[in-house]
Amino acid sequence: MTTVDINCDLGEGFGPYRMGDDAALMKVITSANIACGFHAGDPGIMVKTVQLAMENGVDIGAHVGFADLQGFGRRVLNLEPAELKAMTWYQLGALQGIAQAAGRRLQHVTFHGALGNMCFADADLAATLMAAIKAFDAGLTVIAPPMTEMEKAAEQAGLPVKRVVFADRAYDDRGLLVSRKLPGAVIHDPEAVIQRVLGMVQDGAITSQSGKRMPLAIDSVLVHGDTPGSASLASLVRERLQHAGVQVRPLSQR
């Protein structure tokens, strides 16, 4: 039987500001990628998000990004390898400390926004980030898009890897995400998103904007938490997957 994880980027508010309905999403998803205070989040929000994950049996993971609150981590910062490693350790350490105090541990790592897009395409950058993860905890699972430099670097570093597809983002012919600056990069129609996810999971492949089919392993589906109506969309995605006979489980139980 086909089994898949549903993950989401959460804890992306700051102070009194909130983004997305984390409480509702936690009832639907199976893995949470929690912002660690750089592109979004703060200590209080991180604690509350970890608590929500524990209450709902959701795996806890770190969502590491550039120190760019104003730009929500979507602006490119050109940093030296030593800086990249340090900022990765800083964010992993912060969330690990909060999780440990609550009696849990980190299960996985993902990268946010500009840092994630760079890691998908830049082999040197990806190798630097994977080396940082391995030095911190070689048992952390890296959630990586297939056919990317991130996936290759994680495998070469000997880290556990799970492959993720994006529910509402278009792909180019290389298997990379189409830039948000381009038309059609983000799919807004809920039914189109649901059919897209069902097709990818059942077919074991993604299809680019031009129609190119690319077979690949799919372990997890990402639903963006900052998308309007994300909780309802995630619920429909899970419901339709299960109706199609797909089991939805956290990565730690697959």
C-alpha atoms as a PDB file:
ATOM      1  CA  MET A   1       0.000   0.000   0.000  1.00  0.00           C
ATOM      2  CA  THR A   2       1.249   3.500  -0.844  1.00  0.00           C
ATOM      3  CA  THR A   3       2.170   5.604   2.193  1.00  0.00           C
ATOM      4  CA  VAL A   4       2.963   9.304   2.275  1.00  0.00           C
ATOM      5  CA  ASP A   5       3.693  12.040   4.807  1.00  0.00           C
ATOM      6  CA  ILE A   6       2.090  15.504   4.697  1.00  0.00           C
ATOM      7  CA  ASN A   7       4.366  18.279   5.927  1.00  0.00           C
ATOM      8  CA  CYS A   8       3.882  21.995   6.361  1.00  0.00           C
ATOM      9  CA  ASP A   9       5.934  25.085   7.301  1.00  0.00           C
ATOM     10  CA  LEU A  10       4.596  26.374  10.624  1.00  0.00           C
ATOM     11  CA  GLY A  11       5.407  28.809  13.425  1.00  0.00           C
ATOM     12  CA  GLU A  12       5.997  31.546  10.878  1.00  0.00           C
ATOM     13  CA  GLY A  13       4.607  34.461  12.850  1.00  0.00           C
ATOM     14  CA  PHE A  14       6.599  36.931  14.939  1.00  0.00           C
ATOM     15  CA  GLY A  15       5.612  38.530  18.251  1.00  0.00           C
ATOM     16  CA  PRO A  16       1.882  39.378  18.039  1.00  0.00           C
ATOM     17  CA  TYR A  17       1.775  38.677  14.290  1.00  0.00           C
ATOM     18  CA  ARG A  18       0.572  35.328  13.012  1.00  0.00           C
ATOM     19  CA  MET A  19       0.722  33.618   9.633  1.00  0.00           C
ATOM     20  CA  GLY A  20      -1.519  30.680   8.830  1.00  0.00           C
ATOM     21  CA  ASP A  21      -3.760  28.612  11.098  1.00  0.00           C
ATOM     22  CA  ASP A  22      -1.207  26.403  12.828  1.00  0.00           C
ATOM     23  CA  ALA A  23      -3.701  24.858  15.261  1.00  0.00           C
ATOM     24  CA  ALA A  24      -5.980  23.677  12.446  1.00  0.00           C
ATOM     25  CA  LEU A  25      -3.089  22.499  10.256  1.00  0.00           C
ATOM     26  CA  MET A  26      -1.615  20.412  13.077  1.00  0.00           C
ATOM     27  CA  LYS A  27      -4.785  18.310  13.099  1.00  0.00           C
ATOM     28  CA  VAL A  28      -4.218  17.352   9.464  1.00  0.00           C
ATOM     29  CA  ILE A  29      -0.476  17.173   8.749  1.00  0.00           C
ATOM     30  CA  THR A  30       1.991  14.561  10.003  1.00  0.00           C
ATOM     31  CA  SER A  31       5.274  16.540   9.982  1.00  0.00           C
ATOM     32  CA  ALA A  32       5.827  20.174  11.020  1.00  0.00           C
ATOM     33  CA  ASN A  33       8.710  22.297   9.715  1.00  0.00           C
ATOM     34  CA  ILE A  34       9.057  24.906  12.440  1.00  0.00           C
ATOM     35  CA  ALA A  35      10.614  28.329  11.783  1.00  0.00           C
ATOM     36  CA  CYS A  36      13.626  28.888  14.032  1.00  0.00           C
ATOM     37  CA  GLY A  37      13.646  32.663  14.473  1.00  0.00           C
ATOM     38  CA  PHE A  38      15.600  33.807  11.420  1.00  0.00           C
ATOM     39  CA  HIS A  39      13.086  34.224   8.586  1.00  0.00           C
ATOM     40  CA  ALA A  40      10.165  34.019  11.033  1.00  0.00           C
ATOM     41  CA  GLY A  41       9.285  32.769  14.506  1.00  0.00           C
ATOM     42  CA  ASP A  42      10.508  33.664  17.955  1.00  0.00           C
ATOM     43  CA  PRO A  43      11.115  31.677  21.175  1.00  0.00           C
ATOM     44  CA  GLY A  44       7.513  31.924  22.356  1.00  0.00           C
ATOM     45  CA  ILE A  45       6.060  30.894  19.020  1.00  0.00           C
ATOM     46  CA  MET A  46       8.562  28.045  18.745  1.00  0.00           C
ATOM     47  CA  VAL A  47       7.520  26.711  22.167  1.00  0.00           C
ATOM     48  CA  LYS A  48       3.816  26.912  21.303  1.00  0.00           C
ATOM     49  CA  THR A  49       4.334  25.243  17.922  1.00  0.00           C
ATOM     50  CA  VAL A  50       6.299  22.374  19.467  1.00  0.00           C
ATOM     51  CA  GLN A  51       3.526  21.931  22.040  1.00  0.00           C
ATOM     52  CA  LEU A  52       0.889  21.845  19.280  1.00  0.00           C
ATOM     53  CA  ALA A  53       2.903  19.218  17.418  1.00  0.00           C
ATOM     54  CA  MET A  54       3.172  17.051  20.526  1.00  0.00           C
ATOM     55  CA  GLU A  55      -0.556  17.326  21.239  1.00  0.00           C
ATOM     56  CA  ASN A  56      -1.363  16.112  17.729  1.00  0.00           C
ATOM     57  CA  GLY A  57       1.301  13.419  17.296  1.00  0.00           C
ATOM     58  CA  VAL A  58       3.104  15.397  14.597  1.00  0.00           C
ATOM     59  CA  ASP A  59       6.840  15.005  13.903  1.00  0.00           C
ATOM     60  CA  ILE A  60       8.984  18.047  14.774  1.00  0.00           C
ATOM     61  CA  GLY A  61      11.463  19.423  12.273  1.00  0.00           C
ATOM     62  CA  ALA A  62      13.528  22.583  11.834  1.00  0.00           C
ATOM     63  CA  HIS A  63      12.772  25.013   9.003  1.00  0.00           C
ATOM     64  CA  VAL A  64      16.081  26.827   8.552  1.00  0.00           C
ATOM     65  CA  GLY A  65      16.299  30.105   6.646  1.00  0.00           C
ATOM     66  CA  PHE A  66      18.247  33.314   6.106  1.00  0.00           C
ATOM     67  CA  ALA A  67      18.171  36.013   8.806  1.00  0.00           C
ATOM     68  CA  ASP A  68      15.649  38.121   6.896  1.00  0.00           C
ATOM     69  CA  LEU A  69      12.484  38.818   8.873  1.00  0.00           C
ATOM     70  CA  GLN A  70      11.441  41.764   6.723  1.00  0.00           C
ATOM     71  CA  GLY A  71      11.786  39.779   3.508  1.00  0.00           C
ATOM     72  CA  PHE A  72      10.398  36.564   5.031  1.00  0.00           C
ATOM     73  CA  GLY A  73      13.593  34.774   4.036  1.00  0.00           C
ATOM     74  CA  ARG A  74      12.828  35.089   0.342  1.00  0.00           C
ATOM     75  CA  ARG A  75      15.738  37.411  -0.473  1.00  0.00           C
ATOM     76  CA  VAL A  76      19.138  36.026  -1.413  1.00  0.00           C
ATOM     77  CA  LEU A  77      22.003  36.590   1.029  1.00  0.00           C
ATOM     78  CA  ASN A  78      25.497  35.749  -0.194  1.00  0.00           C
ATOM     79  CA  LEU A  79      27.247  34.243   2.833  1.00  0.00           C
ATOM     80  CA  GLU A  80      30.551  32.485   3.310  1.00  0.00           C
ATOM     81  CA  PRO A  81      30.498  28.737   4.126  1.00  0.00           C
ATOM     82  CA  ALA A  82      31.465  29.390   7.748  1.00  0.00           C
ATOM     83  CA  GLU A  83      28.522  31.782   8.152  1.00  0.00           C
ATOM     84  CA  LEU A  84      26.136  29.303   6.543  1.00  0.00           C
ATOM     85  CA  LYS A  85      27.230  26.545   8.909  1.00  0.00           C
ATOM     86  CA  ALA A  86      27.007  28.807  11.958  1.00  0.00           C
ATOM     87  CA  MET A  87      23.515  30.044  11.166  1.00  0.00           C
ATOM     88  CA  THR A  88      22.353  26.470  10.526  1.00  0.00           C
ATOM     89  CA  TRP A  89      23.747  25.263  13.868  1.00  0.00           C
ATOM     90  CA  TYR A  90      22.227  28.272  15.646  1.00  0.00           C
ATOM     91  CA  GLN A  91      18.731  27.538  14.348  1.00  0.00           C
ATOM     92  CA  LEU A  92      18.943  23.773  14.843  1.00  0.00           C
ATOM     93  CA  GLY A  93      20.253  24.287  18.355  1.00  0.00           C
ATOM     94  CA  ALA A  94      17.468  26.691  19.289  1.00  0.00           C
ATOM     95  CA  LEU A  95      14.674  24.366  18.220  1.00  0.00           C
ATOM     96  CA  GLN A  96      16.412  21.263  19.552  1.00  0.00           C
ATOM     97  CA  GLY A  97      16.701  22.939  22.960  1.00  0.00           C
ATOM     98  CA  ILE A  98      12.987  23.732  23.035  1.00  0.00           C
ATOM     99  CA  ALA A  99      12.033  20.250  21.835  1.00  0.00           C
ATOM    100  CA  GLN A 100      14.360  18.583  24.350  1.00  0.00           C
ATOM    101  CA  ALA A 101      12.894  20.614  27.219  1.00  0.00           C
ATOM    102  CA  ALA A 102       9.478  19.313  26.170  1.00  0.00           C
ATOM    103  CA  GLY A 103      10.724  15.711  26.091  1.00  0.00           C
ATOM    104  CA  ARG A 104      10.970  15.405  22.311  1.00  0.00           C
ATOM    105  CA  ARG A 105      13.716  15.539  19.661  1.00  0.00           C
ATOM    106  CA  LEU A 106      14.063  16.900  16.181  1.00  0.00           C
ATOM    107  CA  GLN A 107      13.204  14.411  13.449  1.00  0.00           C
ATOM    108  CA  HIS A 108      14.035  16.325  10.278  1.00  0.00           C
ATOM    109  CA  VAL A 109      15.371  19.465   8.600  1.00  0.00           C
ATOM    110  CA  THR A 110      14.092  21.558   5.701  1.00  0.00           C
ATOM    111  CA  PHE A 111      15.305  24.869   4.243  1.00  0.00           C
ATOM    112  CA  HIS A 112      13.144  27.913   3.628  1.00  0.00           C
ATOM    113  CA  GLY A 113      12.664  30.352   0.783  1.00  0.00           C
ATOM    114  CA  ALA A 114      15.745  31.730  -0.933  1.00  0.00           C
ATOM    115  CA  LEU A 115      18.077  29.454   1.028  1.00  0.00           C
ATOM    116  CA  GLY A 116      16.071  26.399  -0.012  1.00  0.00           C
ATOM    117  CA  ASN A 117      15.966  27.396  -3.672  1.00  0.00           C
ATOM    118  CA  MET A 118      19.732  28.019  -3.653  1.00  0.00           C
ATOM    119  CA  CYS A 119      20.349  24.669  -1.957  1.00  0.00           C
ATOM    120  CA  PHE A 120      18.304  22.885  -4.620  1.00  0.00           C
ATOM    121  CA  ALA A 121      20.497  24.237  -7.450  1.00  0.00           C
ATOM    122  CA  ASP A 122      23.968  25.001  -5.984  1.00  0.00           C
ATOM    123  CA  ALA A 123      26.096  21.913  -5.324  1.00  0.00           C
ATOM    124  CA  ASP A 124      28.685  23.711  -3.165  1.00  0.00           C
ATOM    125  CA  LEU A 125      26.058  25.419  -1.035  1.00  0.00           C
ATOM    126  CA  ALA A 126      24.156  22.169  -0.619  1.00  0.00           C
ATOM    127  CA  ALA A 127      27.321  20.351   0.458  1.00  0.00           C
ATOM    128  CA  THR A 128      28.047  23.068   3.030  1.00  0.00           C
ATOM    129  CA  LEU A 129      24.561  22.846   4.538  1.00  0.00           C
ATOM    130  CA  MET A 130      24.560  19.036   4.625  1.00  0.00           C
ATOM    131  CA  ALA A 131      27.970  19.075   6.347  1.00  0.00           C
ATOM    132  CA  ALA A 132      26.503  21.419   8.964  1.00  0.00           C
ATOM    133  CA  ILE A 133      23.552  19.082   9.581  1.00  0.00           C
ATOM    134  CA  LYS A 134      25.802  16.031   9.818  1.00  0.00           C
ATOM    135  CA  ALA A 135      28.072  17.755  12.349  1.00  0.00           C
ATOM    136  CA  PHE A 136      25.033  18.709  14.439  1.00  0.00           C
ATOM    137  CA  ASP A 137      23.181  15.360  14.317  1.00  0.00           C
ATOM    138  CA  ALA A 138      23.895  12.737  11.666  1.00  0.00           C
ATOM    139  CA  GLY A 139      20.559  11.083  12.486  1.00  0.00           C
ATOM    140  CA  LEU A 140      18.426  14.016  11.334  1.00  0.00           C
ATOM    141  CA  THR A 141      16.364  13.265   8.232  1.00  0.00           C
ATOM    142  CA  VAL A 142      16.762  15.724   5.374  1.00  0.00           C
ATOM    143  CA  ILE A 143      13.512  16.408   3.518  1.00  0.00           C
ATOM    144  CA  ALA A 144      14.692  17.212  -0.003  1.00  0.00           C
ATOM    145  CA  PRO A 145      13.083  17.573  -3.411  1.00  0.00           C
ATOM    146  CA  PRO A 146      14.177  14.775  -5.777  1.00  0.00           C
ATOM    147  CA  MET A 147      16.627  15.509  -8.600  1.00  0.00           C
ATOM    148  CA  THR A 148      18.189  18.443  -6.747  1.00  0.00           C
ATOM    149  CA  GLU A 149      21.701  19.169  -5.528  1.00  0.00           C
ATOM    150  CA  MET A 150      20.285  19.073  -2.011  1.00  0.00           C
ATOM    151  CA  GLU A 151      19.207  15.465  -2.438  1.00  0.00           C
ATOM    152  CA  LYS A 152      22.591  14.518  -3.910  1.00  0.00           C
ATOM    153  CA  ALA A 153      24.542  16.279  -1.156  1.00  0.00           C
ATOM    154  CA  ALA A 154      22.466  14.665   1.603  1.00  0.00           C
ATOM    155  CA  GLU A 155      23.045  11.208   0.106  1.00  0.00           C
ATOM    156  CA  GLN A 156      26.780  11.871  -0.263  1.00  0.00           C
ATOM    157  CA  ALA A 157      26.948  13.021   3.364  1.00  0.00           C
ATOM    158  CA  GLY A 158      25.305   9.773   4.479  1.00  0.00           C
ATOM    159  CA  LEU A 159      22.272  11.524   5.952  1.00  0.00           C
ATOM    160  CA  PRO A 160      18.799   9.938   5.958  1.00  0.00           C
ATOM    161  CA  VAL A 161      16.848  11.435   3.043  1.00  0.00           C
ATOM    162  CA  LYS A 162      13.120  11.625   2.311  1.00  0.00           C
ATOM    163  CA  ARG A 163      11.853  13.037  -0.983  1.00  0.00           C
ATOM    164  CA  VAL A 164       9.222  15.768  -1.027  1.00  0.00           C
ATOM    165  CA  VAL A 165       6.948  17.180  -3.713  1.00  0.00           C
ATOM    166  CA  PHE A 166       5.208  20.550  -3.522  1.00  0.00           C
ATOM    167  CA  ALA A 167       1.427  20.520  -3.692  1.00  0.00           C
ATOM    168  CA  ASP A 168       0.912  23.999  -5.110  1.00  0.00           C
ATOM    169  CA  ARG A 169       4.115  24.828  -7.003  1.00  0.00           C
ATOM    170  CA  ALA A 170       4.951  24.330 -10.689  1.00  0.00           C
ATOM    171  CA  TYR A 171       8.101  22.524 -11.831  1.00  0.00           C
ATOM    172  CA  ASP A 172      10.463  23.241 -14.706  1.00  0.00           C
ATOM    173  CA  ASP A 173      12.019  20.595 -16.971  1.00  0.00           C
ATOM    174  CA  ARG A 174      14.941  20.100 -14.545  1.00  0.00           C
ATOM    175  CA  GLY A 175      12.598  19.187 -11.709  1.00  0.00           C
ATOM    176  CA  LEU A 176      13.196  22.515  -9.944  1.00  0.00           C
ATOM    177  CA  LEU A 177      10.502  24.894  -8.734  1.00  0.00           C
ATOM    178  CA  VAL A 178       9.449  27.602 -11.166  1.00  0.00           C
ATOM    179  CA  SER A 179      10.342  31.046  -9.767  1.00  0.00           C
ATOM    180  CA  ARG A 180       7.487  32.800  -7.969  1.00  0.00           C
ATOM    181  CA  LYS A 181       8.182  35.772 -10.251  1.00  0.00           C
ATOM    182  CA  LEU A 182       6.944  33.808 -13.268  1.00  0.00           C
ATOM    183  CA  PRO A 183       3.316  33.185 -14.313  1.00  0.00           C
ATOM    184  CA  GLY A 184       1.792  29.937 -13.108  1.00  0.00           C
ATOM    185  CA  ALA A 185       4.490  29.279 -10.513  1.00  0.00           C
ATOM    186  CA  VAL A 186       1.895  28.937  -7.745  1.00  0.00           C
ATOM    187  CA  ILE A 187      -1.287  26.908  -8.296  1.00  0.00           C
ATOM    188  CA  HIS A 188      -4.209  28.595  -6.517  1.00  0.00           C
ATOM    189  CA  ASP A 189      -7.192  26.433  -7.498  1.00  0.00           C
ATOM    190  CA  PRO A 190      -7.796  23.923  -4.639  1.00  0.00           C
ATOM    191  CA  GLU A 191      -9.200  21.216  -6.913  1.00  0.00           C
ATOM    192  CA  ALA A 192      -6.236  21.560  -9.256  1.00  0.00           C
ATOM    193  CA  VAL A 193      -3.884  21.186  -6.289  1.00  0.00           C
ATOM    194  CA  ILE A 194      -5.709  18.077  -5.054  1.00  0.00           C
ATOM    195  CA  GLN A 195      -5.695  16.413  -8.477  1.00  0.00           C
ATOM    196  CA  ARG A 196      -2.026  17.322  -8.855  1.00  0.00           C
ATOM    197  CA  VAL A 197      -1.116  15.687  -5.528  1.00  0.00           C
ATOM    198  CA  LEU A 198      -3.136  12.557  -6.272  1.00  0.00           C
ATOM    199  CA  GLY A 199      -1.483  12.270  -9.662  1.00  0.00           C
ATOM    200  CA  MET A 200       2.034  12.680  -8.305  1.00  0.00           C
ATOM    201  CA  VAL A 201       1.621  10.217  -5.435  1.00  0.00           C
ATOM    202  CA  GLN A 202      -0.236   7.548  -7.399  1.00  0.00           C
ATOM    203  CA  ASP A 203       1.922   7.858 -10.534  1.00  0.00           C
ATOM    204  CA  GLY A 204       5.233   8.283  -8.696  1.00  0.00           C
ATOM    205  CA  ALA A 205       6.197  11.191 -10.926  1.00  0.00           C
ATOM    206  CA  ILE A 206       6.041  14.950 -11.366  1.00  0.00           C
ATOM    207  CA  THR A 207       5.102  16.764 -14.564  1.00  0.00           C
ATOM    208  CA  SER A 208       6.730  20.038 -15.556  1.00  0.00           C
ATOM    209  CA  GLN A 209       4.923  23.099 -16.907  1.00  0.00           C
ATOM    210  CA  SER A 210       5.887  22.005 -20.422  1.00  0.00           C
ATOM    211  CA  GLY A 211       4.452  18.511 -19.896  1.00  0.00           C
ATOM    212  CA  LYS A 212       7.663  16.586 -19.238  1.00  0.00           C
ATOM    213  CA  ARG A 213       7.038  13.567 -16.959  1.00  0.00           C
ATOM    214  CA  MET A 214       9.785  12.763 -14.451  1.00  0.00           C
ATOM    215  CA  PRO A 215       9.466   9.514 -12.401  1.00  0.00           C
ATOM    216  CA  LEU A 216      10.756   9.745  -8.819  1.00  0.00           C
ATOM    217  CA  ALA A 217      10.353   8.503  -5.260  1.00  0.00           C
ATOM    218  CA  ILE A 218       7.810  10.465  -3.201  1.00  0.00           C
ATOM    219  CA  ASP A 219       7.857  10.216   0.590  1.00  0.00           C
ATOM    220  CA  SER A 220       6.162  13.468   1.547  1.00  0.00           C
ATOM    221  CA  VAL A 221       3.879  16.208   0.215  1.00  0.00           C
ATOM    222  CA  LEU A 222       4.377  19.840   1.253  1.00  0.00           C
ATOM    223  CA  VAL A 223       1.350  22.088   1.719  1.00  0.00           C
ATOM    224  CA  HIS A 224       2.391  25.705   2.319  1.00  0.00           C
ATOM    225  CA  GLY A 225       1.049  27.048   5.613  1.00  0.00           C
ATOM    226  CA  ASP A 226       1.059  30.675   4.419  1.00  0.00           C
ATOM    227  CA  THR A 227      -1.310  29.932   1.534  1.00  0.00           C
ATOM    228  CA  PRO A 228      -4.827  31.380   2.105  1.00  0.00           C
ATOM    229  CA  GLY A 229      -7.138  28.550   3.177  1.00  0.00           C
ATOM    230  CA  SER A 230      -4.185  26.203   3.750  1.00  0.00           C
ATOM    231  CA  ALA A 231      -5.853  24.304   6.603  1.00  0.00           C
ATOM    232  CA  SER A 232      -8.903  23.504   4.490  1.00  0.00           C
ATOM    233  CA  LEU A 233      -6.703  22.607   1.525  1.00  0.00           C
ATOM    234  CA  ALA A 234      -4.486  20.303   3.598  1.00  0.00           C
ATOM    235  CA  SER A 235      -7.577  18.603   5.027  1.00  0.00           C
ATOM    236  CA  LEU A 236      -8.974  17.992   1.538  1.00  0.00           C
ATOM    237  CA  VAL A 237      -5.617  16.690   0.291  1.00  0.00           C
ATOM    238  CA  ARG A 238      -5.414  14.203   3.158  1.00  0.00           C
ATOM    239  CA  GLU A 239      -9.047  13.152   2.770  1.00  0.00           C
ATOM    240  CA  ARG A 240      -8.703  12.518  -0.961  1.00  0.00           C
ATOM    241  CA  LEU A 241      -5.415  10.649  -0.552  1.00  0.00           C
ATOM    242  CA  GLN A 242      -6.929   8.352   2.045  1.00  0.00           C
ATOM    243  CA  HIS A 243     -10.062   7.866  -0.079  1.00  0.00           C
ATOM    244  CA  ALA A 244      -7.729   6.754  -2.891  1.00  0.00           C
ATOM    245  CA  GLY A 245      -6.200   4.127  -0.580  1.00  0.00           C
ATOM    246  CA  VAL A 246      -3.042   6.052   0.337  1.00  0.00           C
ATOM    247  CA  GLN A 247      -1.975   5.824   3.991  1.00  0.00           C
ATOM    248  CA  VAL A 248      -0.884   9.111   5.585  1.00  0.00           C
ATOM    249  CA  ARG A 249       1.819   8.723   8.234  1.00  0.00           C
ATOM    250  CA  PRO A 250       4.703  10.756   9.730  1.00  0.00           C
ATOM    251  CA  LEU A 251       8.106  10.138   8.203  1.00  0.00           C
ATOM    252  CA  SER A 252       9.295   8.608  11.477  1.00  0.00           C
ATOM    253  CA  GLN A 253       6.657   5.877  11.079  1.00  0.00           C
ATOM    254  CA  ARG A 254       7.329   5.049   7.436  1.00  0.00           C
END
